[in-house]
All heavy atoms as atom14 arrays in JSON, in Angstrom:
{
  "sequence": "HGHWCYARLSKMVIYFFYKNVCYVNLLFWYQFFCG",
  "atom14_mask": [
    [1, 1, 1, 1, 1, 1, 1, 1, 1, 1, 0, 0, 0, 0],
    [1, 1, 1, 1, 0, 0, 0, 0, 0, 0, 0, 0, 0, 0],
    [1, 1, 1, 1, 1, 1, 1, 1, 1, 1, 0, 0, 0, 0],
    [1, 1, 1, 1, 1, 1, 1, 1, 1, 1, 1, 1, 1, 1],
    [1, 1, 1, 1, 1, 1, 0, 0, 0, 0, 0, 0, 0, 0],
    [1, 1, 1, 1, 1, 1, 1, 1, 1, 1, 1, 1, 0, 0],
    [1, 1, 1, 1, 1, 0, 0, 0, 0, 0, 0, 0, 0, 0],
    [1, 1, 1, 1, 1, 1, 1, 1, 1, 1, 1, 0, 0, 0],
    [1, 1, 1, 1, 1, 1, 1, 1, 0, 0, 0, 0, 0, 0],
    [1, 1, 1, 1, 1, 1, 0, 0, 0, 0, 0, 0, 0, 0],
    [1, 1, 1, 1, 1, 1, 1, 1, 1, 0, 0, 0, 0, 0],
    [1, 1, 1, 1, 1, 1, 1, 1, 0, 0, 0, 0, 0, 0],
    [1, 1, 1, 1, 1, 1, 1, 0, 0, 0, 0, 0, 0, 0],
    [1, 1, 1, 1, 1, 1, 1, 1, 0, 0, 0, 0, 0, 0],
    [1, 1, 1, 1, 1, 1, 1, 1, 1, 1, 1, 1, 0, 0],
    [1, 1, 1, 1, 1, 1, 1, 1, 1, 1, 1, 0, 0, 0],
    [1, 1, 1, 1, 1, 1, 1, 1, 1, 1, 1, 0, 0, 0],
    [1, 1, 1, 1, 1, 1, 1, 1, 1, 1, 1, 1, 0, 0],
    [1, 1, 1, 1, 1, 1, 1, 1, 1, 0, 0, 0, 0, 0],
    [1, 1, 1, 1, 1, 1, 1, 1, 0, 0, 0, 0, 0, 0],
    [1, 1, 1, 1, 1, 1, 1, 0, 0, 0, 0, 0, 0, 0],
    [1, 1, 1, 1, 1, 1, 0, 0, 0, 0, 0, 0, 0, 0],
    [1, 1, 1, 1, 1, 1, 1, 1, 1, 1, 1, 1, 0, 0],
    [1, 1, 1, 1, 1, 1, 1, 0, 0, 0, 0, 0, 0, 0],
    [1, 1, 1, 1, 1, 1, 1, 1, 0, 0, 0, 0, 0, 0],
    [1, 1, 1, 1, 1, 1, 1, 1, 0, 0, 0, 0, 0, 0],
    [1, 1, 1, 1, 1, 1, 1, 1, 0, 0, 0, 0, 0, 0],
    [1, 1, 1, 1, 1, 1, 1, 1, 1, 1, 1, 0, 0, 0],
    [1, 1, 1, 1, 1, 1, 1, 1, 1, 1, 1, 1, 1, 1],
    [1, 1, 1, 1, 1, 1, 1, 1, 1, 1, 1, 1, 0, 0],
    [1, 1, 1, 1, 1, 1, 1, 1, 1, 0, 0, 0, 0, 0],
    [1, 1, 1, 1, 1, 1, 1, 1, 1, 1, 1, 0, 0, 0],
    [1, 1, 1, 1, 1, 1, 1, 1, 1, 1, 1, 0, 0, 0],
    [1, 1, 1, 1, 1, 1, 0, 0, 0, 0, 0, 0, 0, 0],
    [1, 1, 1, 1, 0, 0, 0, 0, 0, 0, 0, 0, 0, 0]
  ],
  "atom14_positions": [
    [[-78.34, -141.48, 123.98], [-79.16, -141.76, 122.81], [-79.66, -143.21, 122.8], [-80.75, -143.48, 122.31], [-78.37, -141.44, 121.53], [-78.05, -139.99, 121.42], [-79.0, -139.05, 121.12], [-76.89, -139.31, 121.58], [-78.44, -137.84, 121.1], [-77.16, -137.98, 121.38], [0.0, 0.0, 0.0], [0.0, 0.0, 0.0], [0.0, 0.0, 0.0], [0.0, 0.0, 0.0]],
    [[-78.87, -144.13, 123.36], [-79.33, -145.51, 123.47], [-80.53, -145.63, 124.38], [-81.49, -146.34, 124.07], [0.0, 0.0, 0.0], [0.0, 0.0, 0.0], [0.0, 0.0, 0.0], [0.0, 0.0, 0.0], [0.0, 0.0, 0.0], [0.0, 0.0, 0.0], [0.0, 0.0, 0.0], [0.0, 0.0, 0.0], [0.0, 0.0, 0.0], [0.0, 0.0, 0.0]],
    [[-80.5, -144.94, 125.52], [-81.64, -144.97, 126.45], [-82.88, -144.36, 125.82], [-83.97, -144.92, 125.89], [-81.27, -144.23, 127.74], [-82.4, -144.11, 128.71], [-82.69, -145.1, 129.61], [-83.32, -143.14, 128.9], [-83.75, -144.74, 130.33], [-84.13, -143.55, 129.91], [0.0, 0.0, 0.0], [0.0, 0.0, 0.0], [0.0, 0.0, 0.0], [0.0, 0.0, 0.0]],
    [[-82.71, -143.19, 125.2], [-83.85, -142.52, 124.57], [-84.43, -143.37, 123.44], [-85.65, -143.48, 123.3], [-83.43, -141.16, 124.02], [-83.24, -140.12, 125.06], [-83.66, -140.15, 126.36], [-82.56, -138.88, 124.89], [-83.28, -139.0, 127.01], [-82.61, -138.2, 126.13], [-81.91, -138.27, 123.83], [-82.04, -136.95, 126.31], [-81.35, -137.03, 124.02], [-81.42, -136.37, 125.25]],
    [[-83.59, -143.95, 122.64], [-84.05, -144.79, 121.53], [-84.83, -145.98, 122.05], [-85.9, -146.32, 121.52], [-82.87, -145.23, 120.69], [-83.32, -146.21, 119.25], [0.0, 0.0, 0.0], [0.0, 0.0, 0.0], [0.0, 0.0, 0.0], [0.0, 0.0, 0.0], [0.0, 0.0, 0.0], [0.0, 0.0, 0.0], [0.0, 0.0, 0.0], [0.0, 0.0, 0.0]],
    [[-84.33, -146.62, 123.09], [-85.01, -147.78, 123.66], [-86.38, -147.39, 124.21], [-87.37, -148.09, 123.99], [-84.14, -148.39, 124.75], [-84.58, -149.75, 125.19], [-84.2, -150.89, 124.49], [-85.4, -149.91, 126.3], [-84.61, -152.14, 124.88], [-85.83, -151.16, 126.7], [-85.43, -152.27, 125.99], [-85.85, -153.5, 126.37], [0.0, 0.0, 0.0], [0.0, 0.0, 0.0]],
    [[-86.44, -146.28, 124.92], [-87.71, -145.83, 125.5], [-88.71, -145.46, 124.41], [-89.89, -145.81, 124.49], [-87.46, -144.65, 126.43], [0.0, 0.0, 0.0], [0.0, 0.0, 0.0], [0.0, 0.0, 0.0], [0.0, 0.0, 0.0], [0.0, 0.0, 0.0], [0.0, 0.0, 0.0], [0.0, 0.0, 0.0], [0.0, 0.0, 0.0], [0.0, 0.0, 0.0]],
    [[-88.24, -144.76, 123.38], [-89.14, -144.37, 122.28], [-89.66, -145.58, 121.53], [-90.84, -145.64, 121.19], [-88.4, -143.44, 121.32], [-88.13, -142.08, 121.87], [-87.31, -141.27, 120.9], [-86.86, -140.03, 121.51], [-85.73, -139.44, 121.24], [-84.9, -139.96, 120.36], [-85.4, -138.32, 121.83], [0.0, 0.0, 0.0], [0.0, 0.0, 0.0], [0.0, 0.0, 0.0]],
    [[-88.78, -146.53, 121.25], [-89.22, -147.72, 120.51], [-90.24, -148.53, 121.29], [-91.21, -149.03, 120.72], [-88.02, -148.58, 120.14], [-87.17, -148.09, 118.98], [-85.95, -148.98, 118.81], [-87.98, -148.06, 117.71], [0.0, 0.0, 0.0], [0.0, 0.0, 0.0], [0.0, 0.0, 0.0], [0.0, 0.0, 0.0], [0.0, 0.0, 0.0], [0.0, 0.0, 0.0]],
    [[-90.03, -148.66, 122.59], [-90.98, -149.43, 123.38], [-92.34, -148.74, 123.42], [-93.39, -149.41, 123.33], [-90.45, -149.66, 124.79], [-90.24, -148.45, 125.45], [0.0, 0.0, 0.0], [0.0, 0.0, 0.0], [0.0, 0.0, 0.0], [0.0, 0.0, 0.0], [0.0, 0.0, 0.0], [0.0, 0.0, 0.0], [0.0, 0.0, 0.0], [0.0, 0.0, 0.0]],
    [[-92.37, -147.43, 123.52], [-93.65, -146.71, 123.51], [-94.32, -146.79, 122.14], [-95.54, -146.92, 122.04], [-93.44, -145.24, 123.89], [-93.13, -145.04, 125.34], [-92.9, -143.59, 125.66], [-92.48, -143.42, 127.1], [-92.12, -142.04, 127.41], [0.0, 0.0, 0.0], [0.0, 0.0, 0.0], [0.0, 0.0, 0.0], [0.0, 0.0, 0.0], [0.0, 0.0, 0.0]],
    [[-93.53, -146.75, 121.08], [-94.11, -146.8, 119.73], [-94.67, -148.18, 119.42], [-95.67, -148.3, 118.73], [-93.08, -146.38, 118.69], [-92.77, -144.91, 118.7], [-94.2, -143.81, 118.75], [-95.06, -144.25, 117.29], [0.0, 0.0, 0.0], [0.0, 0.0, 0.0], [0.0, 0.0, 0.0], [0.0, 0.0, 0.0], [0.0, 0.0, 0.0], [0.0, 0.0, 0.0]],
    [[-94.06, -149.24, 119.92], [-94.6, -150.58, 119.7], [-95.97, -150.7, 120.36], [-96.93, -151.21, 119.76], [-93.63, -151.66, 120.24], [-94.29, -153.01, 120.34], [-92.4, -151.74, 119.34], [0.0, 0.0, 0.0], [0.0, 0.0, 0.0], [0.0, 0.0, 0.0], [0.0, 0.0, 0.0], [0.0, 0.0, 0.0], [0.0, 0.0, 0.0], [0.0, 0.0, 0.0]],
    [[-96.08, -150.19, 121.58], [-97.37, -150.21, 122.27], [-98.39, -149.37, 121.5], [-99.55, -149.77, 121.34], [-97.2, -149.72, 123.72], [-96.38, -150.71, 124.51], [-98.55, -149.49, 124.38], [-95.95, -150.22, 125.87], [0.0, 0.0, 0.0], [0.0, 0.0, 0.0], [0.0, 0.0, 0.0], [0.0, 0.0, 0.0], [0.0, 0.0, 0.0], [0.0, 0.0, 0.0]],
    [[-97.98, -148.22, 120.99], [-98.87, -147.37, 120.23], [-99.38, -148.08, 118.97], [-100.57, -148.02, 118.65], [-98.16, -146.06, 119.84], [-98.95, -145.24, 118.86], [-100.06, -144.53, 119.27], [-98.59, -145.21, 117.53], [-100.8, -143.81, 118.36], [-99.32, -144.49, 116.61], [-100.43, -143.79, 117.03], [-101.16, -143.08, 116.14], [0.0, 0.0, 0.0], [0.0, 0.0, 0.0]],
    [[-98.49, -148.74, 118.24], [-98.92, -149.4, 117.0], [-99.86, -150.56, 117.29], [-100.8, -150.8, 116.54], [-97.71, -149.86, 116.19], [-97.05, -148.74, 115.45], [-95.72, -148.47, 115.66], [-97.76, -147.97, 114.55], [-95.1, -147.42, 114.98], [-97.16, -146.94, 113.87], [-95.83, -146.65, 114.09], [0.0, 0.0, 0.0], [0.0, 0.0, 0.0], [0.0, 0.0, 0.0]],
    [[-99.63, -151.29, 118.38], [-100.59, -152.33, 118.76], [-101.95, -151.72, 119.05], [-102.98, -152.21, 118.61], [-100.1, -153.12, 119.98], [-99.16, -154.23, 119.64], [-97.9, -154.28, 120.22], [-99.51, -155.22, 118.75], [-97.03, -155.3, 119.92], [-98.65, -156.25, 118.45], [-97.39, -156.29, 119.03], [0.0, 0.0, 0.0], [0.0, 0.0, 0.0], [0.0, 0.0, 0.0]],
    [[-101.98, -150.63, 119.81], [-103.22, -149.96, 120.16], [-103.95, -149.48, 118.9], [-105.15, -149.7, 118.74], [-102.92, -148.79, 121.09], [-104.11, -147.91, 121.38], [-105.13, -148.35, 122.22], [-104.22, -146.65, 120.81], [-106.23, -147.55, 122.48], [-105.3, -145.84, 121.07], [-106.31, -146.3, 121.9], [-107.39, -145.51, 122.15], [0.0, 0.0, 0.0], [0.0, 0.0, 0.0]],
    [[-103.23, -148.83, 118.0], [-103.83, -148.31, 116.77], [-104.43, -149.42, 115.93], [-105.56, -149.32, 115.45], [-102.79, -147.54, 115.95], [-103.32, -147.02, 114.63], [-102.22, -146.51, 113.76], [-101.46, -147.6, 113.1], [-102.02, -148.14, 111.88], [0.0, 0.0, 0.0], [0.0, 0.0, 0.0], [0.0, 0.0, 0.0], [0.0, 0.0, 0.0], [0.0, 0.0, 0.0]],
    [[-103.69, -150.5, 115.75], [-104.17, -151.59, 114.92], [-105.32, -152.36, 115.57], [-106.24, -152.78, 114.87], [-103.02, -152.53, 114.56], [-102.07, -151.87, 113.59], [-102.48, -151.1, 112.73], [-100.79, -152.16, 113.73], [0.0, 0.0, 0.0], [0.0, 0.0, 0.0], [0.0, 0.0, 0.0], [0.0, 0.0, 0.0], [0.0, 0.0, 0.0], [0.0, 0.0, 0.0]],
    [[-105.28, -152.54, 116.88], [-106.39, -153.21, 117.56], [-107.66, -152.38, 117.44], [-108.74, -152.92, 117.17], [-106.03, -153.48, 119.04], [-107.26, -153.82, 119.86], [-105.01, -154.6, 119.12], [0.0, 0.0, 0.0], [0.0, 0.0, 0.0], [0.0, 0.0, 0.0], [0.0, 0.0, 0.0], [0.0, 0.0, 0.0], [0.0, 0.0, 0.0], [0.0, 0.0, 0.0]],
    [[-107.55, -151.07, 117.6], [-108.73, -150.2, 117.46], [-109.31, -150.28, 116.05], [-110.51, -150.41, 115.87], [-108.37, -148.75, 117.79], [-108.07, -148.47, 119.52], [0.0, 0.0, 0.0], [0.0, 0.0, 0.0], [0.0, 0.0, 0.0], [0.0, 0.0, 0.0], [0.0, 0.0, 0.0], [0.0, 0.0, 0.0], [0.0, 0.0, 0.0], [0.0, 0.0, 0.0]],
    [[-108.46, -150.22, 115.05], [-108.94, -150.23, 113.67], [-109.56, -151.57, 113.3], [-110.64, -151.63, 112.72], [-107.8, -149.88, 112.72], [-108.26, -149.65, 111.31], [-109.05, -148.55, 111.0], [-107.93, -150.54, 110.31], [-109.49, -148.34, 109.7], [-108.37, -150.34, 109.01], [-109.15, -149.24, 108.71], [-109.6, -149.03, 107.45], [0.0, 0.0, 0.0], [0.0, 0.0, 0.0]],
    [[-108.92, -152.66, 113.65], [-109.45, -153.99, 113.33], [-110.73, -154.25, 114.12], [-111.67, -154.88, 113.61], [-108.39, -155.08, 113.6], [-108.96, -156.47, 113.53], [-107.25, -154.93, 112.61], [0.0, 0.0, 0.0], [0.0, 0.0, 0.0], [0.0, 0.0, 0.0], [0.0, 0.0, 0.0], [0.0, 0.0, 0.0], [0.0, 0.0, 0.0], [0.0, 0.0, 0.0]],
    [[-110.81, -153.76, 115.34], [-112.01, -153.91, 116.15], [-113.2, -153.21, 115.48], [-114.31, -153.73, 115.45], [-111.75, -153.36, 117.55], [-112.73, -153.9, 118.56], [-113.46, -154.84, 118.31], [-112.73, -153.29, 119.73], [0.0, 0.0, 0.0], [0.0, 0.0, 0.0], [0.0, 0.0, 0.0], [0.0, 0.0, 0.0], [0.0, 0.0, 0.0], [0.0, 0.0, 0.0]],
    [[-112.96, -152.02, 114.94], [-114.02, -151.31, 114.22], [-114.49, -152.11, 113.01], [-115.69, -152.24, 112.76], [-113.53, -149.94, 113.77], [-113.46, -148.85, 114.82], [-112.81, -147.61, 114.25], [-114.85, -148.52, 115.31], [0.0, 0.0, 0.0], [0.0, 0.0, 0.0], [0.0, 0.0, 0.0], [0.0, 0.0, 0.0], [0.0, 0.0, 0.0], [0.0, 0.0, 0.0]],
    [[-113.56, -152.64, 112.24], [-113.93, -153.43, 111.06], [-114.69, -154.7, 111.46], [-115.64, -155.1, 110.78], [-112.67, -153.8, 110.27], [-111.95, -152.66, 109.57], [-110.67, -153.17, 108.92], [-112.83, -151.99, 108.56], [0.0, 0.0, 0.0], [0.0, 0.0, 0.0], [0.0, 0.0, 0.0], [0.0, 0.0, 0.0], [0.0, 0.0, 0.0], [0.0, 0.0, 0.0]],
    [[-114.27, -155.33, 112.54], [-114.93, -156.55, 113.01], [-116.38, -156.28, 113.37], [-117.3, -156.98, 112.93], [-114.15, -157.12, 114.2], [-114.79, -158.32, 114.81], [-114.71, -159.55, 114.18], [-115.45, -158.23, 116.03], [-115.29, -160.67, 114.74], [-116.03, -159.34, 116.59], [-115.96, -160.57, 115.96], [0.0, 0.0, 0.0], [0.0, 0.0, 0.0], [0.0, 0.0, 0.0]],
    [[-116.63, -155.25, 114.19], [-118.0, -154.96, 114.63], [-118.84, -154.39, 113.5], [-120.07, -154.57, 113.48], [-118.0, -154.03, 115.84], [-117.5, -154.73, 117.06], [-116.33, -154.51, 117.7], [-118.14, -155.8, 117.74], [-116.19, -155.39, 118.75], [-117.3, -156.2, 118.8], [-119.34, -156.49, 117.56], [-117.63, -157.21, 119.68], [-119.65, -157.51, 118.44], [-118.8, -157.87, 119.49]],
    [[-118.22, -153.75, 112.53], [-118.97, -153.25, 111.37], [-119.53, -154.41, 110.55], [-120.62, -154.29, 109.98], [-118.09, -152.35, 110.5], [-118.81, -151.83, 109.29], [-119.77, -150.84, 109.41], [-118.55, -152.36, 108.03], [-120.45, -150.37, 108.3], [-119.22, -151.9, 106.91], [-120.16, -150.91, 107.05], [-120.85, -150.44, 105.96], [0.0, 0.0, 0.0], [0.0, 0.0, 0.0]],
    [[-118.82, -155.53, 110.48], [-119.32, -156.67, 109.73], [-120.6, -157.22, 110.35], [-121.48, -157.69, 109.64], [-118.25, -157.75, 109.63], [-117.08, -157.38, 108.74], [-117.53, -156.97, 107.35], [-118.34, -157.64, 106.73], [-116.99, -155.86, 106.88], [0.0, 0.0, 0.0], [0.0, 0.0, 0.0], [0.0, 0.0, 0.0], [0.0, 0.0, 0.0], [0.0, 0.0, 0.0]],
    [[-120.74, -157.16, 111.67], [-122.01, -157.55, 112.29], [-123.11, -156.58, 111.92], [-124.25, -156.96, 111.68], [-121.88, -157.6, 113.82], [-121.13, -158.81, 114.31], [-119.85, -158.69, 114.81], [-121.73, -160.06, 114.28], [-119.17, -159.8, 115.27], [-121.05, -161.17, 114.75], [-119.76, -161.05, 115.24], [0.0, 0.0, 0.0], [0.0, 0.0, 0.0], [0.0, 0.0, 0.0]],
    [[-122.78, -155.3, 111.86], [-123.76, -154.26, 111.56], [-124.28, -154.39, 110.12], [-125.47, -154.21, 109.87], [-123.13, -152.88, 111.77], [-124.01, -151.73, 111.43], [-125.09, -151.39, 112.25], [-123.79, -151.0, 110.28], [-125.92, -150.34, 111.92], [-124.63, -149.95, 109.94], [-125.68, -149.62, 110.77], [0.0, 0.0, 0.0], [0.0, 0.0, 0.0], [0.0, 0.0, 0.0]],
    [[-123.4, -154.71, 109.17], [-123.81, -154.77, 107.76], [-124.18, -156.19, 107.33], [-124.41, -156.43, 106.15], [-122.74, -154.21, 106.85], [-121.3, -155.26, 106.69], [0.0, 0.0, 0.0], [0.0, 0.0, 0.0], [0.0, 0.0, 0.0], [0.0, 0.0, 0.0], [0.0, 0.0, 0.0], [0.0, 0.0, 0.0], [0.0, 0.0, 0.0], [0.0, 0.0, 0.0]],
    [[-124.26, -157.12, 108.27], [-124.71, -158.48, 107.94], [-123.69, -159.28, 107.15], [-124.07, -160.11, 106.33], [0.0, 0.0, 0.0], [0.0, 0.0, 0.0], [0.0, 0.0, 0.0], [0.0, 0.0, 0.0], [0.0, 0.0, 0.0], [0.0, 0.0, 0.0], [0.0, 0.0, 0.0], [0.0, 0.0, 0.0], [0.0, 0.0, 0.0], [0.0, 0.0, 0.0]]
  ]
}
């Protein structure tokens, strides 16, 4: 369970970075679009 927990947590940290970068990137480029 220690190995599985460590592997899951490391994958989820990467996932949350990816999700937040995608969402913030959309908001950033939308601000250029709407002036």
